Amino acid sequence: MTLEQGYRAAVQGFRDSLTALRQYHGTSTTTKFHVIQEHLTEFIDFNSNRPLGLFSEQELENSHSSWFKLWANYRVNDLSSSLFKSQLLKAGLAYNAMHI
């Protein structure tokens, strides 16, 4: 996978399109659009001009799913309960032990 030479212009065109959508249609800026608009080119620069396709949020999303399944076994719904912190710690230790 290689980085397209005109990626900066493409990102700028995307920014311009999102700005026009906001101005003319009142759309909001989602977190992902914000990241693309404001941080994508610096991310590429920081990562030695490697394309974004080499990185994936799938692993992060997968870890959330795995965590929530485990947390269901330890969950204490009352955040002010004295048990909440200890159960959170137990769940965190169990999760880390499973993913070493």
Protein backbone atom coordinates (compact mmCIF):
# COMPACT_ATOMS: atom_id res chain seq x y z
CA MET A 1 0.00 0.00 0.00
CA THR A 2 1.45 3.33 -1.03
CA LEU A 3 0.53 6.90 -0.26
CA GLU A 4 -0.97 8.84 -3.16
CA GLN A 5 1.14 11.83 -4.16
CA GLY A 6 -1.81 14.23 -4.08
CA TYR A 7 -3.11 13.23 -0.67
CA ARG A 8 -2.72 16.73 0.81
CA ALA A 9 -4.84 18.23 -1.97
CA ALA A 10 -7.43 15.46 -1.53
CA VAL A 11 -7.64 16.12 2.21
CA GLN A 12 -7.97 19.85 1.54
CA GLY A 13 -10.76 19.15 -0.96
CA PHE A 14 -12.52 17.05 1.66
CA ARG A 15 -12.15 19.87 4.20
CA ASP A 16 -13.63 22.33 1.72
CA SER A 17 -16.56 20.00 1.02
CA LEU A 18 -17.30 19.56 4.74
CA THR A 19 -17.11 23.32 5.26
CA ALA A 20 -19.60 23.85 2.44
CA LEU A 21 -21.95 21.22 3.91
CA ARG A 22 -21.86 23.01 7.26
CA GLN A 23 -22.40 26.43 5.73
CA TYR A 24 -25.18 25.55 3.30
CA HIS A 25 -26.93 22.67 5.03
CA GLY A 26 -26.16 23.16 8.72
CA THR A 27 -24.54 19.77 9.18
CA SER A 28 -22.52 19.08 12.29
CA THR A 29 -18.94 17.89 12.43
CA THR A 30 -18.60 14.36 13.78
CA THR A 31 -15.51 13.24 15.64
CA LYS A 32 -14.25 11.27 12.65
CA PHE A 33 -14.72 14.22 10.31
CA HIS A 34 -12.87 16.43 12.77
CA VAL A 35 -9.98 13.97 12.91
CA ILE A 36 -9.78 13.84 9.11
CA GLN A 37 -9.99 17.62 8.76
CA GLU A 38 -7.59 18.59 11.50
CA HIS A 39 -5.25 15.68 12.19
CA LEU A 40 -4.96 13.34 9.20
CA THR A 41 -2.06 15.04 7.41
CA GLU A 42 -0.08 15.47 10.63
CA PHE A 43 -0.73 11.78 11.45
CA ILE A 44 0.64 10.78 8.04
CA ASP A 45 3.64 13.07 8.50
CA PHE A 46 4.29 11.66 11.98
CA ASN A 47 4.14 8.10 10.65
CA SER A 48 6.80 8.51 7.95
CA ASN A 49 4.31 9.24 5.16
CA ARG A 50 2.64 5.88 5.48
CA PRO A 51 -1.00 5.79 4.33
CA LEU A 52 -3.82 5.58 6.83
CA GLY A 53 -4.93 2.24 5.38
CA LEU A 54 -2.01 0.58 7.19
CA PHE A 55 -3.63 1.47 10.50
CA SER A 56 -6.98 0.26 11.71
CA GLU A 57 -9.42 1.10 14.44
CA GLN A 58 -10.85 -2.41 14.18
CA GLU A 59 -8.53 -3.72 16.89
CA LEU A 60 -9.58 -0.94 19.25
CA GLU A 61 -13.26 -1.60 18.57
CA ASN A 62 -12.67 -5.32 19.06
CA SER A 63 -11.01 -4.68 22.41
CA HIS A 64 -14.03 -2.61 23.52
CA SER A 65 -16.33 -5.49 22.69
CA SER A 66 -14.13 -7.95 24.54
CA TRP A 67 -13.91 -5.63 27.57
CA PHE A 68 -17.68 -5.10 27.78
CA LYS A 69 -18.33 -8.85 27.69
CA LEU A 70 -15.88 -9.36 30.55
CA TRP A 71 -17.10 -6.31 32.49
CA ALA A 72 -20.63 -7.77 32.48
CA ASN A 73 -19.32 -10.41 34.92
CA TYR A 74 -17.92 -7.81 37.34
CA ARG A 75 -20.20 -4.82 36.83
CA VAL A 76 -21.42 -2.71 39.70
CA ASN A 77 -23.94 -0.19 38.37
CA ASP A 78 -23.65 2.23 41.28
CA LEU A 79 -20.49 4.26 40.61
CA SER A 80 -20.51 5.56 44.19
CA SER A 81 -20.57 2.04 45.65
CA SER A 82 -17.50 0.95 47.57
CA LEU A 83 -17.50 -2.21 45.46
CA PHE A 84 -17.24 -0.37 42.14
CA LYS A 85 -13.50 0.37 42.33
CA SER A 86 -12.55 -3.10 43.49
CA GLN A 87 -14.68 -4.76 40.80
CA LEU A 88 -13.23 -2.46 38.14
CA LEU A 89 -9.72 -3.38 39.28
CA LYS A 90 -10.55 -7.10 39.26
CA ALA A 91 -12.03 -6.81 35.77
CA GLY A 92 -9.00 -4.87 34.54
CA LEU A 93 -6.59 -7.44 35.94
CA ALA A 94 -8.60 -10.30 34.45
CA TYR A 95 -8.76 -8.56 31.07
CA ASN A 96 -5.03 -7.90 31.03
CA ALA A 97 -4.26 -11.47 32.08
CA MET A 98 -6.34 -12.74 29.17
CA HIS A 99 -4.55 -10.48 26.67
CA ILE A 100 -0.87 -10.87 27.54
